[in-house]
């Protein structure tokens, strides 16, 4: 896997075209990361919905949460 430099990662994060629905969803096919940081870093990370592995991780996490709720 290619290691991206900090300038490229910063440019991707700050590019408004990579953030959909008012910054709610991150979608950048060039970015290989599953969990890139949110625009405001103290808020944590988000999913890169352009990465199929990230979408699978999202579905699995949501499925686990819904499964646990169903058990209650």
PDB file of N, CA and C in Angstrom:
ATOM      1  N   UNK A   1       0.844  -1.174   0.000  1.00  0.00           N
ATOM      2  CA  UNK A   1       0.000   0.000   0.000  1.00  0.00           C
ATOM      3  C   UNK A   1       0.892   1.240   0.000  1.00  0.00           C
ATOM      4  N   UNK A   2       0.500   2.238  -0.751  1.00  0.00           N
ATOM      5  CA  UNK A   2       1.275   3.466  -0.844  1.00  0.00           C
ATOM      6  C   UNK A   2       1.067   4.317   0.401  1.00  0.00           C
ATOM      7  N   UNK A   3       2.146   4.868   0.904  1.00  0.00           N
ATOM      8  CA  UNK A   3       2.074   5.764   2.060  1.00  0.00           C
ATOM      9  C   UNK A   3       1.891   7.185   1.536  1.00  0.00           C
ATOM     10  N   UNK A   4       0.807   7.819   1.906  1.00  0.00           N
ATOM     11  CA  UNK A   4       0.514   9.169   1.432  1.00  0.00           C
ATOM     12  C   UNK A   4       1.201  10.181   2.333  1.00  0.00           C
ATOM     13  N   UNK A   5       1.654  11.282   1.741  1.00  0.00           N
ATOM     14  CA  UNK A   5       2.303  12.316   2.545  1.00  0.00           C
ATOM     15  C   UNK A   5       1.255  13.168   3.257  1.00  0.00           C
ATOM     16  N   UNK A   6       1.706  13.885   4.277  1.00  0.00           N
ATOM     17  CA  UNK A   6       0.792  14.682   5.105  1.00  0.00           C
ATOM     18  C   UNK A   6       0.070  15.760   4.307  1.00  0.00           C
ATOM     19  N   UNK A   7       0.749  16.348   3.321  1.00  0.00           N
ATOM     20  CA  UNK A   7       0.121  17.401   2.515  1.00  0.00           C
ATOM     21  C   UNK A   7      -1.060  16.845   1.719  1.00  0.00           C
ATOM     22  N   UNK A   8      -0.909  15.653   1.171  1.00  0.00           N
ATOM     23  CA  UNK A   8      -2.001  15.033   0.409  1.00  0.00           C
ATOM     24  C   UNK A   8      -3.169  14.700   1.322  1.00  0.00           C
ATOM     25  N   UNK A   9      -2.881  14.118   2.482  1.00  0.00           N
ATOM     26  CA  UNK A   9      -3.948  13.772   3.424  1.00  0.00           C
ATOM     27  C   UNK A   9      -4.692  15.022   3.883  1.00  0.00           C
ATOM     28  N   UNK A  10      -3.960  16.099   4.140  1.00  0.00           N
ATOM     29  CA  UNK A  10      -4.590  17.355   4.572  1.00  0.00           C
ATOM     30  C   UNK A  10      -5.456  17.929   3.451  1.00  0.00           C
ATOM     31  N   UNK A  11      -4.945  17.877   2.214  1.00  0.00           N
ATOM     32  CA  UNK A  11      -5.704  18.398   1.075  1.00  0.00           C
ATOM     33  C   UNK A  11      -7.005  17.623   0.903  1.00  0.00           C
ATOM     34  N   UNK A  12      -6.938  16.291   1.038  1.00  0.00           N
ATOM     35  CA  UNK A  12      -8.149  15.477   0.923  1.00  0.00           C
ATOM     36  C   UNK A  12      -9.143  15.831   2.010  1.00  0.00           C
ATOM     37  N   UNK A  13      -8.665  15.996   3.232  1.00  0.00           N
ATOM     38  CA  UNK A  13      -9.565  16.277   4.354  1.00  0.00           C
ATOM     39  C   UNK A  13     -10.233  17.636   4.201  1.00  0.00           C
ATOM     40  N   UNK A  14      -9.496  18.608   3.680  1.00  0.00           N
ATOM     41  CA  UNK A  14     -10.020  19.969   3.576  1.00  0.00           C
ATOM     42  C   UNK A  14     -10.810  20.226   2.295  1.00  0.00           C
ATOM     43  N   UNK A  15     -10.799  19.298   1.358  1.00  0.00           N
ATOM     44  CA  UNK A  15     -11.519  19.468   0.098  1.00  0.00           C
ATOM     45  C   UNK A  15     -13.014  19.258   0.326  1.00  0.00           C
ATOM     46  N   UNK A  16     -13.831  20.305   0.147  1.00  0.00           N
ATOM     47  CA  UNK A  16     -15.272  20.156   0.393  1.00  0.00           C
ATOM     48  C   UNK A  16     -15.954  19.177  -0.554  1.00  0.00           C
ATOM     49  N   UNK A  17     -15.336  18.884  -1.702  1.00  0.00           N
ATOM     50  CA  UNK A  17     -15.925  17.922  -2.638  1.00  0.00           C
ATOM     51  C   UNK A  17     -15.883  16.495  -2.101  1.00  0.00           C
ATOM     52  N   UNK A  18     -15.042  16.235  -1.100  1.00  0.00           N
ATOM     53  CA  UNK A  18     -14.954  14.898  -0.505  1.00  0.00           C
ATOM     54  C   UNK A  18     -15.967  14.698   0.617  1.00  0.00           C
ATOM     55  N   UNK A  19     -16.657  15.751   1.004  1.00  0.00           N
ATOM     56  CA  UNK A  19     -17.624  15.668   2.108  1.00  0.00           C
ATOM     57  C   UNK A  19     -19.023  15.846   1.546  1.00  0.00           C
ATOM     58  N   UNK A  20     -19.878  14.883   1.781  1.00  0.00           N
ATOM     59  CA  UNK A  20     -21.242  14.891   1.243  1.00  0.00           C
ATOM     60  C   UNK A  20     -22.240  15.188   2.360  1.00  0.00           C
ATOM     61  N   UNK A  21     -23.404  15.669   1.997  1.00  0.00           N
ATOM     62  CA  UNK A  21     -24.501  15.966   2.933  1.00  0.00           C
ATOM     63  C   UNK A  21     -24.043  16.914   4.037  1.00  0.00           C
ATOM     64  N   UNK A  22     -23.424  18.012   3.635  1.00  0.00           N
ATOM     65  CA  UNK A  22     -23.013  19.013   4.615  1.00  0.00           C
ATOM     66  C   UNK A  22     -21.894  18.553   5.529  1.00  0.00           C
ATOM     67  N   UNK A  23     -21.039  17.683   5.055  1.00  0.00           N
ATOM     68  CA  UNK A  23     -19.918  17.207   5.857  1.00  0.00           C
ATOM     69  C   UNK A  23     -20.217  15.978   6.684  1.00  0.00           C
ATOM     70  N   UNK A  24     -21.369  15.385   6.483  1.00  0.00           N
ATOM     71  CA  UNK A  24     -21.755  14.209   7.262  1.00  0.00           C
ATOM     72  C   UNK A  24     -21.058  12.938   6.769  1.00  0.00           C
ATOM     73  N   UNK A  25     -20.863  12.820   5.457  1.00  0.00           N
ATOM     74  CA  UNK A  25     -20.260  11.625   4.869  1.00  0.00           C
ATOM     75  C   UNK A  25     -18.998  11.992   4.102  1.00  0.00           C
ATOM     76  N   UNK A  26     -17.956  11.172   4.260  1.00  0.00           N
ATOM     77  CA  UNK A  26     -16.698  11.351   3.535  1.00  0.00           C
ATOM     78  C   UNK A  26     -16.677  10.359   2.387  1.00  0.00           C
ATOM     79  N   UNK A  27     -16.421  10.849   1.177  1.00  0.00           N
ATOM     80  CA  UNK A  27     -16.398  10.003  -0.017  1.00  0.00           C
ATOM     81  C   UNK A  27     -15.241  10.445  -0.904  1.00  0.00           C
ATOM     82  N   UNK A  28     -14.141   9.686  -0.874  1.00  0.00           N
ATOM     83  CA  UNK A  28     -12.972  10.005  -1.685  1.00  0.00           C
ATOM     84  C   UNK A  28     -12.359   8.706  -2.205  1.00  0.00           C
ATOM     85  N   UNK A  29     -12.598   8.378  -3.483  1.00  0.00           N
ATOM     86  CA  UNK A  29     -12.060   7.139  -4.047  1.00  0.00           C
ATOM     87  C   UNK A  29     -10.532   7.078  -4.058  1.00  0.00           C
ATOM     88  N   UNK A  30      -9.855   8.222  -4.043  1.00  0.00           N
ATOM     89  CA  UNK A  30      -8.387   8.239  -4.043  1.00  0.00           C
ATOM     90  C   UNK A  30      -7.803   7.880  -2.678  1.00  0.00           C
ATOM     91  N   UNK A  31      -8.573   8.054  -1.631  1.00  0.00           N
ATOM     92  CA  UNK A  31      -8.096   7.863  -0.261  1.00  0.00           C
ATOM     93  C   UNK A  31      -8.274   6.399   0.149  1.00  0.00           C
ATOM     94  N   UNK A  32      -7.183   5.675   0.432  1.00  0.00           N
ATOM     95  CA  UNK A  32      -7.301   4.260   0.777  1.00  0.00           C
ATOM     96  C   UNK A  32      -7.690   4.001   2.234  1.00  0.00           C
ATOM     97  N   UNK A  33      -7.724   5.043   3.055  1.00  0.00           N
ATOM     98  CA  UNK A  33      -8.005   4.839   4.482  1.00  0.00           C
ATOM     99  C   UNK A  33      -9.458   4.420   4.700  1.00  0.00           C
ATOM    100  N   UNK A  34      -9.662   3.501   5.640  1.00  0.00           N
ATOM    101  CA  UNK A  34     -11.017   3.096   6.003  1.00  0.00           C
ATOM    102  C   UNK A  34     -11.667   4.138   6.892  1.00  0.00           C
ATOM    103  N   UNK A  35     -10.883   4.700   7.803  1.00  0.00           N
ATOM    104  CA  UNK A  35     -11.404   5.630   8.803  1.00  0.00           C
ATOM    105  C   UNK A  35     -10.598   6.924   8.811  1.00  0.00           C
ATOM    106  N   UNK A  36     -10.905   7.859   7.913  1.00  0.00           N
ATOM    107  CA  UNK A  36     -10.199   9.141   7.926  1.00  0.00           C
ATOM    108  C   UNK A  36     -10.744  10.036   9.044  1.00  0.00           C
ATOM    109  N   UNK A  37      -9.955  11.012   9.492  1.00  0.00           N
ATOM    110  CA  UNK A  37     -10.437  11.909  10.543  1.00  0.00           C
ATOM    111  C   UNK A  37     -11.530  12.837  10.019  1.00  0.00           C
ATOM    112  N   UNK A  38     -12.410  13.237  10.922  1.00  0.00           N
ATOM    113  CA  UNK A  38     -13.449  14.201  10.567  1.00  0.00           C
ATOM    114  C   UNK A  38     -12.815  15.574  10.363  1.00  0.00           C
ATOM    115  N   UNK A  39     -13.547  16.512   9.750  1.00  0.00           N
ATOM    116  CA  UNK A  39     -12.973  17.841   9.514  1.00  0.00           C
ATOM    117  C   UNK A  39     -12.520  18.519  10.809  1.00  0.00           C
ATOM    118  N   UNK A  40     -13.268  18.319  11.873  1.00  0.00           N
ATOM    119  CA  UNK A  40     -12.879  18.824  13.188  1.00  0.00           C
ATOM    120  C   UNK A  40     -12.328  17.613  13.933  1.00  0.00           C
ATOM    121  N   UNK A  41     -10.993  17.550  14.052  1.00  0.00           N
ATOM    122  CA  UNK A  41     -10.339  16.311  14.484  1.00  0.00           C
ATOM    123  C   UNK A  41     -10.753  15.813  15.858  1.00  0.00           C
ATOM    124  N   UNK A  42     -11.098  16.703  16.789  1.00  0.00           N
ATOM    125  CA  UNK A  42     -11.467  16.231  18.124  1.00  0.00           C
ATOM    126  C   UNK A  42     -12.777  15.457  18.104  1.00  0.00           C
ATOM    127  N   UNK A  43     -13.492  15.508  16.985  1.00  0.00           N
ATOM    128  CA  UNK A  43     -14.756  14.779  16.871  1.00  0.00           C
ATOM    129  C   UNK A  43     -14.547  13.319  16.478  1.00  0.00           C
ATOM    130  N   UNK A  44     -13.284  12.928  16.209  1.00  0.00           N
ATOM    131  CA  UNK A  44     -13.007  11.529  15.916  1.00  0.00           C
ATOM    132  C   UNK A  44     -12.828  11.244  14.443  1.00  0.00           C
ATOM    133  N   UNK A  45     -13.259  10.052  14.047  1.00  0.00           N
ATOM    134  CA  UNK A  45     -13.076   9.581  12.682  1.00  0.00           C
ATOM    135  C   UNK A  45     -14.427   9.258  12.069  1.00  0.00           C
ATOM    136  N   UNK A  46     -14.403   9.083  10.759  1.00  0.00           N
ATOM    137  CA  UNK A  46     -15.602   8.706  10.027  1.00  0.00           C
ATOM    138  C   UNK A  46     -15.245   7.591   9.041  1.00  0.00           C
ATOM    139  N   UNK A  47     -16.204   7.122   8.322  1.00  0.00           N
ATOM    140  CA  UNK A  47     -15.983   6.088   7.308  1.00  0.00           C
ATOM    141  C   UNK A  47     -15.725   6.751   5.957  1.00  0.00           C
ATOM    142  N   UNK A  48     -14.864   6.159   5.150  1.00  0.00           N
ATOM    143  CA  UNK A  48     -14.673   6.592   3.773  1.00  0.00           C
ATOM    144  C   UNK A  48     -15.607   5.737   2.916  1.00  0.00           C
ATOM    145  N   UNK A  49     -16.753   6.269   2.579  1.00  0.00           N
ATOM    146  CA  UNK A  49     -17.773   5.494   1.880  1.00  0.00           C
ATOM    147  C   UNK A  49     -17.405   5.176   0.431  1.00  0.00           C
ATOM    148  N   UNK A  50     -16.272   5.675  -0.061  1.00  0.00           N
ATOM    149  CA  UNK A  50     -15.784   5.296  -1.390  1.00  0.00           C
ATOM    150  C   UNK A  50     -14.963   4.017  -1.333  1.00  0.00           C
ATOM    151  N   UNK A  51     -14.616   3.576  -0.140  1.00  0.00           N
ATOM    152  CA  UNK A  51     -13.812   2.368   0.043  1.00  0.00           C
ATOM    153  C   UNK A  51     -14.748   1.210   0.398  1.00  0.00           C
ATOM    154  N   UNK A  52     -14.814   0.168  -0.433  1.00  0.00           N
ATOM    155  CA  UNK A  52     -15.731  -0.946  -0.162  1.00  0.00           C
ATOM    156  C   UNK A  52     -15.507  -1.608   1.198  1.00  0.00           C
ATOM    157  N   UNK A  53     -14.262  -1.701   1.646  1.00  0.00           N
ATOM    158  CA  UNK A  53     -13.988  -2.292   2.957  1.00  0.00           C
ATOM    159  C   UNK A  53     -14.575  -1.439   4.077  1.00  0.00           C
ATOM    160  N   UNK A  54     -14.560  -0.130   3.895  1.00  0.00           N
ATOM    161  CA  UNK A  54     -15.128   0.768   4.891  1.00  0.00           C
ATOM    162  C   UNK A  54     -16.648   0.614   4.954  1.00  0.00           C
ATOM    163  N   UNK A  55     -17.267   0.445   3.794  1.00  0.00           N
ATOM    164  CA  UNK A  55     -18.722   0.245   3.750  1.00  0.00           C
ATOM    165  C   UNK A  55     -19.089  -1.063   4.451  1.00  0.00           C
ATOM    166  N   UNK A  56     -18.302  -2.113   4.226  1.00  0.00           N
ATOM    167  CA  UNK A  56     -18.549  -3.393   4.902  1.00  0.00           C
ATOM    168  C   UNK A  56     -18.402  -3.228   6.410  1.00  0.00           C
ATOM    169  N   UNK A  57     -17.364  -2.510   6.846  1.00  0.00           N
ATOM    170  CA  UNK A  57     -17.169  -2.269   8.282  1.00  0.00           C
ATOM    171  C   UNK A  57     -18.356  -1.512   8.864  1.00  0.00           C
ATOM    172  N   UNK A  58     -18.871  -0.526   8.126  1.00  0.00           N
ATOM    173  CA  UNK A  58     -20.028   0.248   8.579  1.00  0.00           C
ATOM    174  C   UNK A  58     -21.249  -0.656   8.742  1.00  0.00           C
ATOM    175  N   UNK A  59     -21.503  -1.496   7.743  1.00  0.00           N
ATOM    176  CA  UNK A  59     -22.663  -2.396   7.788  1.00  0.00           C
ATOM    177  C   UNK A  59     -22.536  -3.381   8.951  1.00  0.00           C
ATOM    178  N   UNK A  60     -21.340  -3.910   9.169  1.00  0.00           N
ATOM    179  CA  UNK A  60     -21.122  -4.851  10.276  1.00  0.00           C
ATOM    180  C   UNK A  60     -21.367  -4.168  11.618  1.00  0.00           C
ATOM    181  N   UNK A  61     -20.839  -2.975  11.800  1.00  0.00           N
ATOM    182  CA  UNK A  61     -21.020  -2.254  13.069  1.00  0.00           C
ATOM    183  C   UNK A  61     -22.488  -1.930  13.304  1.00  0.00           C
ATOM    184  N   UNK A  62     -23.170  -1.433  12.274  1.00  0.00           N
ATOM    185  CA  UNK A  62     -24.599  -1.129  12.415  1.00  0.00           C
ATOM    186  C   UNK A  62     -25.378  -2.410  12.700  1.00  0.00           C
ATOM    187  N   UNK A  63     -25.025  -3.506  12.038  1.00  0.00           N
ATOM    188  CA  UNK A  63     -25.694  -4.788  12.279  1.00  0.00           C
ATOM    189  C   UNK A  63     -25.515  -5.274  13.705  1.00  0.00           C
ATOM    190  N   UNK A  64     -24.312  -5.133  14.243  1.00  0.00           N
ATOM    191  CA  UNK A  64     -24.059  -5.536  15.630  1.00  0.00           C
ATOM    192  C   UNK A  64     -24.883  -4.694  16.592  1.00  0.00           C
ATOM    193  N   UNK A  65     -24.892  -3.389  16.365  1.00  0.00           N
ATOM    194  CA  UNK A  65     -25.665  -2.503  17.243  1.00  0.00           C
ATOM    195  C   UNK A  65     -27.150  -2.848  17.174  1.00  0.00           C
ATOM    196  N   UNK A  66     -27.680  -3.026  15.973  1.00  0.00           N
ATOM    197  CA  UNK A  66     -29.101  -3.366  15.838  1.00  0.00           C
ATOM    198  C   UNK A  66     -29.398  -4.737  16.438  1.00  0.00           C
ATOM    199  N   UNK A  67     -28.475  -5.679  16.285  1.00  0.00           N
ATOM    200  CA  UNK A  67     -28.652  -7.003  16.888  1.00  0.00           C
ATOM    201  C   UNK A  67     -28.690  -6.934  18.405  1.00  0.00           C
ATOM    202  N   UNK A  68     -27.818  -6.125  18.982  1.00  0.00           N
ATOM    203  CA  UNK A  68     -27.816  -5.965  20.440  1.00  0.00           C
ATOM    204  C   UNK A  68     -29.090  -5.281  20.927  1.00  0.00           C
ATOM    205  N   UNK A  69     -29.559  -4.300  20.171  1.00  0.00           N
ATOM    206  CA  UNK A  69     -30.813  -3.625  20.540  1.00  0.00           C
ATOM    207  C   UNK A  69     -31.976  -4.609  20.472  1.00  0.00           C
ATOM    208  N   UNK A  70     -31.972  -5.475  19.466  1.00  0.00           N
ATOM    209  CA  UNK A  70     -33.050  -6.458  19.317  1.00  0.00           C
ATOM    210  C   UNK A  70     -33.077  -7.448  20.477  1.00  0.00           C
ATOM    211  N   UNK A  71     -31.940  -7.686  21.107  1.00  0.00           N
ATOM    212  CA  UNK A  71     -31.876  -8.613  22.237  1.00  0.00           C
ATOM    213  C   UNK A  71     -32.453  -8.027  23.523  1.00  0.00           C
ATOM    214  N   UNK A  72     -32.559  -6.721  23.564  1.00  0.00           N
ATOM    215  CA  UNK A  72     -33.046  -6.066  24.798  1.00  0.00           C
ATOM    216  C   UNK A  72     -34.545  -6.203  24.927  1.00  0.00           C
TER     217      UNK A  72
END
